[in-house]
């Protein structure tokens, strides 16, 4: 799994993604915990995801989707809320939380 960095509001967040089911799974690596996110692929990322399935992309989601997920997780305070939780978050294609 390729770990990548996104800077949001001056803070570095490291993330990686994999796909072993219908929807990609994203892991946000924090210094003292991880946050698990499942993402419903939007139309824009569907082509990216298809290229990943063919071996033409290194990650099942685009950098822009990862940025939007991190933005939603930070702005909705899930960074701290899910610090001690093994429960994952599921976001819809518009980056709204649909299940936790």
Protein backbone atom coordinates (compact mmCIF):
# COMPACT_ATOMS: atom_id res chain seq x y z
CA UNK A 1 0.00 0.00 0.00
CA UNK A 2 1.42 3.33 -1.09
CA UNK A 3 1.42 5.95 1.69
CA UNK A 4 0.92 9.52 0.49
CA UNK A 5 0.87 12.94 2.12
CA UNK A 6 -1.78 15.62 1.93
CA UNK A 7 -1.42 18.98 3.64
CA UNK A 8 -4.70 20.44 4.82
CA UNK A 9 -4.79 23.72 6.79
CA UNK A 10 -1.04 23.50 7.32
CA UNK A 11 -1.16 19.98 8.84
CA UNK A 12 0.33 16.91 7.15
CA UNK A 13 -1.92 13.89 6.90
CA UNK A 14 -0.67 10.57 5.61
CA UNK A 15 -3.06 8.26 3.86
CA UNK A 16 -3.17 5.09 1.87
CA UNK A 17 -5.91 3.22 0.07
CA UNK A 18 -6.68 -0.26 -1.07
CA UNK A 19 -9.56 -2.03 -2.67
CA UNK A 20 -10.66 -5.50 -1.72
CA UNK A 21 -14.41 -4.99 -2.12
CA UNK A 22 -16.75 -2.88 -4.24
CA UNK A 23 -15.69 0.41 -2.62
CA UNK A 24 -12.15 1.64 -1.93
CA UNK A 25 -10.93 1.72 1.65
CA UNK A 26 -8.81 4.64 2.81
CA UNK A 27 -6.66 4.75 5.93
CA UNK A 28 -5.67 8.08 7.45
CA UNK A 29 -2.54 7.55 9.53
CA UNK A 30 -2.38 9.71 12.63
CA UNK A 31 0.60 9.74 15.04
CA UNK A 32 -1.32 7.75 17.66
CA UNK A 33 -4.16 6.09 15.72
CA UNK A 34 -5.63 5.32 12.31
CA UNK A 35 -8.99 6.29 10.85
CA UNK A 36 -10.64 3.85 8.46
CA UNK A 37 -12.84 5.26 5.72
CA UNK A 38 -14.79 3.54 2.97
CA UNK A 39 -15.63 5.69 -0.03
CA UNK A 40 -18.45 5.42 -2.53
CA UNK A 41 -16.70 6.34 -5.78
CA UNK A 42 -18.09 9.42 -7.51
CA UNK A 43 -18.37 9.80 -11.29
CA UNK A 44 -15.08 11.68 -11.50
CA UNK A 45 -13.19 8.93 -9.69
CA UNK A 46 -14.91 6.04 -11.46
CA UNK A 47 -12.53 6.31 -14.43
CA UNK A 48 -9.55 6.54 -12.07
CA UNK A 49 -10.79 3.46 -10.21
CA UNK A 50 -11.19 1.55 -13.47
CA UNK A 51 -7.61 2.44 -14.47
CA UNK A 52 -6.47 1.16 -11.06
CA UNK A 53 -8.26 -2.15 -11.66
CA UNK A 54 -6.34 -2.49 -14.94
CA UNK A 55 -3.01 -1.78 -13.20
CA UNK A 56 -2.62 1.72 -14.66
CA UNK A 57 -2.92 3.64 -11.36
CA UNK A 58 -1.09 3.02 -8.10
CA UNK A 59 -4.06 3.83 -5.89
CA UNK A 60 -7.82 3.13 -6.19
CA UNK A 61 -8.75 6.75 -5.45
CA UNK A 62 -7.40 10.01 -6.79
CA UNK A 63 -5.41 12.53 -4.78
CA UNK A 64 -8.32 14.99 -5.07
CA UNK A 65 -10.76 12.47 -3.57
CA UNK A 66 -8.35 11.74 -0.73
CA UNK A 67 -8.06 15.49 -0.10
CA UNK A 68 -11.85 15.89 0.06
CA UNK A 69 -12.16 12.95 2.47
CA UNK A 70 -9.45 14.34 4.74
CA UNK A 71 -11.10 17.77 4.60
CA UNK A 72 -14.46 16.24 5.62
CA UNK A 73 -12.89 14.16 8.41
CA UNK A 74 -11.03 17.17 9.82
CA UNK A 75 -13.88 19.70 9.48
CA UNK A 76 -16.38 17.31 11.07
CA UNK A 77 -13.94 16.57 13.92
CA UNK A 78 -13.70 12.83 13.25
CA UNK A 79 -9.93 13.00 13.81
CA UNK A 80 -10.52 13.10 17.57
CA UNK A 81 -13.97 11.49 17.70
CA UNK A 82 -12.67 8.27 16.16
CA UNK A 83 -9.32 8.26 17.97
CA UNK A 84 -10.15 5.20 20.08
CA UNK A 85 -12.59 3.53 17.72
CA UNK A 86 -12.16 0.57 15.40
CA UNK A 87 -15.34 1.62 13.62
CA UNK A 88 -14.88 2.92 10.11
CA UNK A 89 -16.58 5.84 8.43
CA UNK A 90 -18.45 5.53 5.13
CA UNK A 91 -18.70 8.60 2.90
CA UNK A 92 -20.95 8.99 -0.11
CA UNK A 93 -19.78 10.33 -3.47
CA UNK A 94 -20.28 13.94 -2.26
CA UNK A 95 -18.12 13.31 0.84
CA UNK A 96 -21.01 13.28 3.30
CA UNK A 97 -20.94 10.77 6.12
CA UNK A 98 -23.56 8.11 5.44
CA UNK A 99 -22.64 5.52 8.06
CA UNK A 100 -20.30 4.94 10.98
